[in-house]
Amino acid sequence: MWSQLLTWSGREFGHLPWRKNRTLYRTLVSEIMLQQTTVSTVLQHYERFLVRFPDLQSLAKASEEELLVAWKGLGYYRRAKNLKKIAETIARDWDGKFPEQGVDLQMISGIGPYTSNALIAIGMDRPALAVDANLERVLARLHGLKTAKGPRLQKQILQLFLENKIVPERHMSFRALNEALMDLGRTICQANRVACEICPMKKSCIAHKQGKALAYPAGGDTPAKKAIEHELSLLRVIVGKPERLQAYQKEKGEWLEGQWELPTFVIETDDEKFKQYPALTKKIDVSELPTVKTGITKYSIVNYILKLSAEEWKTWKFTRETTWRDGTSAESNLSTASQKCLKKI
């Protein structure tokens, strides 16, 4: 049954760029990018990122701004910073060579059990199982595992793997196995939708035989999606034109650290502790201004957009130092909210 799965995966997804010209560095980059991001999105950025940072040493030496510009469009910028820290650590402490043992890999800040196993299984093609949500779900259905999804189920899967009960054919390519299971969970064996009739594993799947594919894995300790807790109204000020406008760089501890943003003021919020932007003190009627809706963490945001000339801006008091930047350049690293405001005008 496993050979059918591997054949299907190779035929359907062997073209993915991170499955060609493999190195441990390229595997690391792809695995970090694919965390919390769809394959289609990563396809738009993976090769471009590698042109800019073709190896571990070039990434380790990059400035944070260079890194964030290259990562633009992938979101979750903390992943980019973790990736750079990993590169710096391996370059400094391991003479630029990836450790080969899981225990050593996990000593590197930014590499946890999943990434460690992915590097071993996919990067090195050695026995390991990179258990993400896809593998957890697929293997629970294949083997009819009744443990609730979460750490306990993942631990059970890894223990069964060590006992040769999950994948008895130990001679197979573990790289191909892990990728095939990921492919299956991403496309056919999804969390809320299954296509068992075209699944290459249907003859061996216990959940399918029971007619209860969606019942596995049982609901567990997955945290609920964070609800919106606060409403926020902001004034975004566009000084100049998109090709040359005033912006400031977000500092450590702020939202979108390292990115650039339009001068921003708080018009109104129901969160008394909110300190991301200064309060608007000028008396302005915002009711006729164009707006853009955005959101971040627990905030639902209405952004009001005000255009000013450079002379008009001089009369405003903004607590941060701004500078002229090209808001249309790929290197501008302008925040998504700021970009949406520019498109609105």
Protein backbone atom coordinates (compact mmCIF):
# COMPACT_ATOMS: atom_id res chain seq x y z
CA MET A 1 0.00 0.00 0.00
CA TRP A 2 2.84 2.37 0.73
CA SER A 3 4.27 2.06 -2.77
CA GLN A 4 0.97 3.30 -4.19
CA LEU A 5 1.11 6.33 -1.91
CA LEU A 6 4.68 7.16 -2.90
CA THR A 7 3.91 6.76 -6.61
CA TRP A 8 0.89 9.06 -6.30
CA SER A 9 2.86 11.70 -4.40
CA GLY A 10 5.78 11.67 -6.81
CA ARG A 11 3.49 11.97 -9.80
CA GLU A 12 1.36 14.79 -8.39
CA PHE A 13 3.86 16.85 -6.40
CA GLY A 14 7.37 15.90 -7.51
CA HIS A 15 7.56 19.24 -9.34
CA LEU A 16 7.61 21.31 -6.14
CA PRO A 17 10.88 23.32 -6.17
CA TRP A 18 11.97 22.32 -2.66
CA ARG A 19 11.91 18.70 -3.81
CA LYS A 20 14.63 19.40 -6.37
CA ASN A 21 18.35 20.16 -5.87
CA ARG A 22 18.00 19.14 -2.26
CA THR A 23 20.30 20.38 0.47
CA LEU A 24 19.73 20.63 4.20
CA TYR A 25 19.67 24.41 3.89
CA ARG A 26 17.00 24.37 1.18
CA THR A 27 14.99 21.89 3.26
CA LEU A 28 15.21 24.15 6.30
CA VAL A 29 14.05 27.18 4.33
CA SER A 30 11.10 25.34 2.83
CA GLU A 31 10.02 23.82 6.15
CA ILE A 32 10.06 27.18 7.94
CA MET A 33 8.20 28.85 5.06
CA LEU A 34 5.56 26.12 4.93
CA GLN A 35 4.72 26.53 8.60
CA GLN A 36 1.39 28.43 8.79
CA THR A 37 1.53 29.18 5.04
CA THR A 38 -0.06 27.45 2.05
CA VAL A 39 1.98 25.71 -0.63
CA SER A 40 0.64 28.10 -3.28
CA THR A 41 1.93 31.11 -1.34
CA VAL A 42 5.36 29.57 -0.70
CA LEU A 43 5.67 28.76 -4.41
CA GLN A 44 5.58 32.49 -5.14
CA HIS A 45 8.49 33.28 -2.81
CA TYR A 46 10.72 30.23 -2.28
CA GLU A 47 13.02 30.48 -5.29
CA ARG A 48 13.22 34.27 -5.09
CA PHE A 49 14.33 34.00 -1.45
CA LEU A 50 17.04 31.49 -2.41
CA VAL A 51 18.34 33.76 -5.16
CA ARG A 52 18.86 36.42 -2.49
CA PHE A 53 20.19 33.99 0.15
CA PRO A 54 21.54 30.93 -1.72
CA ASP A 55 23.23 29.32 1.27
CA LEU A 56 23.38 29.30 5.03
CA GLN A 57 26.33 31.69 5.23
CA SER A 58 24.65 34.41 3.15
CA LEU A 59 21.56 34.24 5.33
CA ALA A 60 23.60 34.34 8.54
CA LYS A 61 25.35 37.51 7.38
CA ALA A 62 22.19 39.31 6.20
CA SER A 63 20.87 42.38 7.96
CA GLU A 64 17.43 42.17 9.52
CA GLU A 65 16.03 44.64 7.01
CA GLU A 66 17.37 42.60 4.07
CA LEU A 67 15.80 39.50 5.58
CA LEU A 68 12.39 41.10 6.11
CA VAL A 69 12.32 42.50 2.59
CA ALA A 70 13.09 39.05 1.15
CA TRP A 71 10.42 37.48 3.38
CA LYS A 72 7.76 39.99 2.40
CA GLY A 73 4.51 38.35 1.37
CA LEU A 74 4.97 35.27 3.56
CA GLY A 75 3.72 36.84 6.79
CA TYR A 76 4.43 35.68 10.35
CA TYR A 77 7.76 37.49 10.33
CA ARG A 78 8.92 35.82 13.54
CA ARG A 79 9.59 32.72 11.43
CA ALA A 80 12.03 34.69 9.28
CA LYS A 81 13.90 35.89 12.35
CA ASN A 82 14.02 32.36 13.76
CA LEU A 83 15.37 31.12 10.43
CA LYS A 84 18.16 33.69 10.53
CA LYS A 85 19.03 32.77 14.15
CA ILE A 86 19.27 29.12 13.14
CA ALA A 87 21.62 30.02 10.28
CA GLU A 88 23.75 32.19 12.59
CA THR A 89 24.02 29.42 15.20
CA ILE A 90 24.99 26.72 12.70
CA ALA A 91 27.50 29.04 11.02
CA ARG A 92 29.04 30.04 14.35
CA ASP A 93 28.82 26.92 16.52
CA TRP A 94 28.81 24.10 13.97
CA ASP A 95 31.27 25.39 11.40
CA GLY A 96 28.44 25.91 8.94
CA LYS A 97 27.45 22.23 8.92
CA PHE A 98 24.08 20.93 10.13
CA PRO A 99 24.26 18.57 13.13
CA GLU A 100 23.16 15.07 12.16
CA GLN A 101 21.52 14.01 15.42
CA GLY A 102 18.13 15.13 16.61
CA VAL A 103 19.36 15.91 20.11
CA ASP A 104 21.96 18.31 18.68
CA LEU A 105 19.54 19.90 16.23
CA GLN A 106 17.07 20.64 19.01
CA MET A 107 19.77 22.43 21.01
CA ILE A 108 19.63 25.14 18.33
CA SER A 109 17.16 27.88 19.20
CA GLY A 110 14.33 27.83 16.67
CA ILE A 111 14.50 24.09 15.93
CA GLY A 112 11.90 22.05 17.78
CA PRO A 113 10.94 18.37 17.50
CA TYR A 114 9.01 18.81 14.26
CA THR A 115 11.70 20.77 12.40
CA SER A 116 14.38 18.44 13.73
CA ASN A 117 12.54 15.38 12.44
CA ALA A 118 11.84 17.12 9.12
CA LEU A 119 15.54 17.84 8.64
CA ILE A 120 16.44 14.23 9.45
CA ALA A 121 13.67 12.59 7.41
CA ILE A 122 13.37 14.98 4.46
CA GLY A 123 16.77 16.63 4.43
CA MET A 124 18.88 13.56 5.26
CA ASP A 125 16.46 10.79 4.16
CA ARG A 126 16.96 8.95 7.43
CA PRO A 127 14.36 7.22 9.65
CA ALA A 128 12.21 9.88 11.30
CA LEU A 129 8.63 11.07 11.25
CA ALA A 130 7.87 14.81 11.09
CA VAL A 131 4.48 14.79 12.78
CA ASP A 132 2.56 17.93 11.88
CA ALA A 133 -1.24 18.31 11.79
CA ASN A 134 -1.40 16.54 8.42
CA LEU A 135 0.56 13.47 9.52
CA GLU A 136 -1.28 13.35 12.83
CA ARG A 137 -4.64 13.30 11.05
CA VAL A 138 -3.70 10.89 8.25
CA LEU A 139 -2.04 8.33 10.50
CA ALA A 140 -4.86 8.49 13.07
CA ARG A 141 -7.33 7.64 10.29
CA LEU A 142 -5.16 4.98 8.66
CA HIS A 143 -4.65 3.12 11.93
CA GLY A 144 -7.92 4.00 13.67
CA LEU A 145 -6.18 5.67 16.59
CA LYS A 146 -8.76 6.84 19.11
CA THR A 147 -6.53 9.16 21.14
CA ALA A 148 -7.68 12.78 21.00
CA LYS A 149 -5.64 15.03 18.71
CA GLY A 150 -2.81 16.89 20.35
CA PRO A 151 0.46 16.05 22.12
CA ARG A 152 -0.72 12.66 23.42
CA LEU A 153 -1.69 11.47 19.95
CA GLN A 154 1.54 12.75 18.44
CA LYS A 155 3.51 10.94 21.15
CA GLN A 156 1.57 7.74 20.43
CA ILE A 157 2.29 8.01 16.70
CA LEU A 158 6.00 8.49 17.28
CA GLN A 159 6.10 5.53 19.68
CA LEU A 160 4.31 3.30 17.15
CA PHE A 161 6.78 4.47 14.51
CA LEU A 162 9.72 3.46 16.71
CA GLU A 163 8.09 0.06 17.19
CA ASN A 164 7.76 -0.38 13.38
CA LYS A 165 3.96 -0.47 13.71
CA ILE A 166 3.19 2.70 11.74
CA VAL A 167 5.50 2.06 8.79
CA PRO A 168 6.63 -1.57 8.74
CA GLU A 169 8.51 -1.29 5.45
CA ARG A 170 11.70 0.23 6.88
CA HIS A 171 13.61 0.04 3.61
CA MET A 172 11.61 2.79 1.93
CA SER A 173 12.70 6.38 1.44
CA PHE A 174 11.73 8.28 4.58
CA ARG A 175 11.98 11.51 2.66
CA ALA A 176 9.38 10.30 0.18
CA LEU A 177 7.22 8.82 2.95
CA ASN A 178 7.00 12.01 4.98
CA GLU A 179 6.30 14.15 1.96
CA ALA A 180 3.66 11.75 0.65
CA LEU A 181 1.82 11.73 3.98
CA MET A 182 1.94 15.53 4.04
CA ASP A 183 0.58 15.63 0.47
CA LEU A 184 -2.23 13.26 1.39
CA GLY A 185 -3.28 15.30 4.42
CA ARG A 186 -3.05 18.58 2.53
CA THR A 187 -5.17 17.54 -0.46
CA ILE A 188 -7.26 14.37 0.00
CA CYS A 189 -7.42 13.67 3.73
CA GLN A 190 -8.22 17.15 5.04
CA ALA A 191 -9.54 18.06 8.47
CA ASN A 192 -13.14 18.75 7.42
CA ARG A 193 -13.27 17.16 3.97
CA VAL A 194 -12.13 13.83 2.57
CA ALA A 195 -11.99 12.32 -0.92
CA CYS A 196 -11.65 8.67 0.05
CA GLU A 197 -12.71 7.45 -3.40
CA ILE A 198 -9.44 8.70 -4.94
CA CYS A 199 -7.16 8.06 -1.96
CA PRO A 200 -4.26 5.66 -2.71
CA MET A 201 -4.51 4.36 0.88
CA LYS A 202 -8.26 3.68 1.03
CA LYS A 203 -7.93 -0.13 0.99
CA SER A 204 -5.82 -0.07 4.14
CA CYS A 205 -7.50 2.80 6.00
CA ILE A 206 -9.42 1.75 9.12
CA ALA A 207 -11.40 5.00 9.30
CA HIS A 208 -12.52 4.55 5.68
CA LYS A 209 -13.53 0.93 6.28
CA GLN A 210 -15.64 2.11 9.21
CA GLY A 211 -17.17 4.88 7.11
CA LYS A 212 -16.06 7.35 9.76
CA ALA A 213 -13.10 9.20 8.24
CA LEU A 214 -14.10 12.58 9.68
CA ALA A 215 -14.45 11.09 13.17
CA TYR A 216 -10.67 10.75 13.39
CA PRO A 217 -8.79 12.10 15.14
CA ALA A 218 -11.12 12.79 18.02
CA GLY A 219 -11.45 16.42 19.07
CA GLY A 220 -8.82 17.25 21.61
CA ASP A 221 -6.90 20.05 23.17
CA THR A 222 -6.56 22.24 20.09
CA PRO A 223 -6.99 25.83 21.31
CA ALA A 224 -10.03 27.68 20.05
CA LYS A 225 -9.54 30.43 17.53
CA LYS A 226 -8.92 33.67 19.35
CA ALA A 227 -11.98 35.90 19.24
CA ILE A 228 -11.97 39.60 18.50
CA GLU A 229 -11.87 41.39 21.85
CA HIS A 230 -11.39 45.03 20.93
CA GLU A 231 -12.51 47.54 18.32
CA LEU A 232 -9.90 50.04 17.16
CA SER A 233 -10.07 53.14 14.94
CA LEU A 234 -6.80 54.46 13.51
CA LEU A 235 -5.84 57.44 11.38
CA ARG A 236 -3.23 56.58 8.73
CA VAL A 237 -1.53 59.64 7.28
CA ILE A 238 -0.18 59.63 3.74
CA VAL A 239 2.35 62.40 3.34
CA GLY A 240 3.35 62.84 -0.29
CA LYS A 241 2.76 60.24 -2.99
CA PRO A 242 3.16 56.44 -2.94
CA GLU A 243 6.42 56.83 -4.88
CA ARG A 244 7.79 59.09 -2.13
CA LEU A 245 6.08 59.20 1.23
CA GLN A 246 6.82 59.56 4.93
CA ALA A 247 7.08 56.34 6.96
CA TYR A 248 8.66 55.09 10.17
CA GLN A 249 10.12 51.73 11.18
CA LYS A 250 8.44 49.62 13.84
CA GLU A 251 10.61 48.92 16.87
CA LYS A 252 11.21 45.83 18.94
CA GLY A 253 8.16 44.89 20.98
CA GLU A 254 5.74 46.57 18.57
CA TRP A 255 3.47 44.94 16.04
CA LEU A 256 5.29 44.08 12.81
CA GLU A 257 8.73 44.70 14.26
CA GLY A 258 11.20 45.85 11.61
CA GLN A 259 8.58 46.79 9.03
CA TRP A 260 7.78 50.33 7.86
CA GLU A 261 4.46 52.02 8.43
CA LEU A 262 2.57 55.18 7.62
CA PRO A 263 2.38 57.70 10.49
CA THR A 264 -0.51 56.39 12.57
CA PHE A 265 -2.69 57.80 15.34
CA VAL A 266 -5.35 56.27 17.57
CA ILE A 267 -8.76 57.84 17.02
CA GLU A 268 -10.69 55.57 19.38
CA THR A 269 -10.32 52.25 21.17
CA ASP A 270 -12.10 50.35 23.92
CA ASP A 271 -8.76 48.92 25.11
CA GLU A 272 -7.47 51.23 27.84
CA LYS A 273 -4.05 49.54 27.76
CA PHE A 274 -3.47 50.02 24.04
CA LYS A 275 -0.08 51.72 23.46
CA GLN A 276 0.91 50.83 19.88
CA TYR A 277 0.28 54.32 18.48
CA PRO A 278 -0.08 57.85 19.90
CA ALA A 279 -3.54 59.30 20.39
CA LEU A 280 -4.90 61.74 17.82
CA THR A 281 -4.98 65.19 19.46
CA LYS A 282 -5.85 67.32 16.42
CA LYS A 283 -9.52 68.00 15.88
CA ILE A 284 -10.38 66.31 12.59
CA ASP A 285 -13.69 65.21 11.13
CA VAL A 286 -12.90 61.70 9.90
CA SER A 287 -16.46 60.86 8.85
CA GLU A 288 -15.81 61.68 5.18
CA LEU A 289 -12.37 60.04 4.96
CA PRO A 290 -11.88 56.80 2.99
CA THR A 291 -11.49 53.71 5.17
CA VAL A 292 -9.91 50.26 5.06
CA LYS A 293 -10.71 47.42 7.46
CA THR A 294 -7.90 45.26 8.80
CA GLY A 295 -7.28 43.10 11.84
CA ILE A 296 -4.42 41.87 13.97
CA THR A 297 -4.30 39.57 17.02
CA LYS A 298 -7.45 40.42 19.05
CA TYR A 299 -8.22 43.75 17.35
CA SER A 300 -10.73 44.62 14.63
CA ILE A 301 -9.44 47.80 12.99
CA VAL A 302 -10.99 50.57 10.91
CA ASN A 303 -8.23 52.61 9.25
CA TYR A 304 -9.16 56.17 8.23
CA ILE A 305 -6.91 57.58 5.51
CA LEU A 306 -5.81 61.22 5.43
CA LYS A 307 -3.61 62.73 2.70
CA LEU A 308 -1.35 65.65 3.60
CA SER A 309 1.30 67.68 1.81
CA ALA A 310 4.80 67.88 3.26
CA GLU A 311 4.07 71.44 4.40
CA GLU A 312 0.87 70.41 6.15
CA TRP A 313 2.67 67.52 7.86
CA LYS A 314 5.13 69.94 9.48
CA THR A 315 2.34 71.23 11.74
CA TRP A 316 1.65 67.77 13.12
CA LYS A 317 3.31 66.33 16.19
CA PHE A 318 4.26 62.69 15.70
CA THR A 319 6.29 60.97 18.40
CA ARG A 320 8.40 58.88 16.03
CA GLU A 321 11.02 59.90 13.50
CA THR A 322 9.81 59.50 9.92
CA THR A 323 11.76 59.45 6.68
CA TRP A 324 11.02 59.50 2.96
CA ARG A 325 10.55 56.05 1.42
CA ASP A 326 9.28 54.64 -1.84
CA GLY A 327 6.02 52.91 -0.98
CA THR A 328 5.84 51.20 -4.38
CA SER A 329 9.25 49.51 -4.27
CA ALA A 330 9.58 45.79 -3.54
CA GLU A 331 12.26 46.77 -1.02
CA SER A 332 10.02 49.20 0.86
CA ASN A 333 8.95 46.57 3.44
CA LEU A 334 5.79 48.58 4.05
CA SER A 335 3.22 46.94 6.33
CA THR A 336 0.20 45.25 4.77
CA ALA A 337 -2.19 47.74 6.39
CA SER A 338 -0.18 50.66 4.99
CA GLN A 339 -0.20 49.07 1.53
CA LYS A 340 -3.97 48.64 1.67
CA CYS A 341 -4.37 52.30 2.59
CA LEU A 342 -2.23 53.35 -0.38
CA LYS A 343 -4.32 51.25 -2.74
CA LYS A 344 -7.50 52.84 -1.43
CA ILE A 345 -6.59 56.38 -2.49
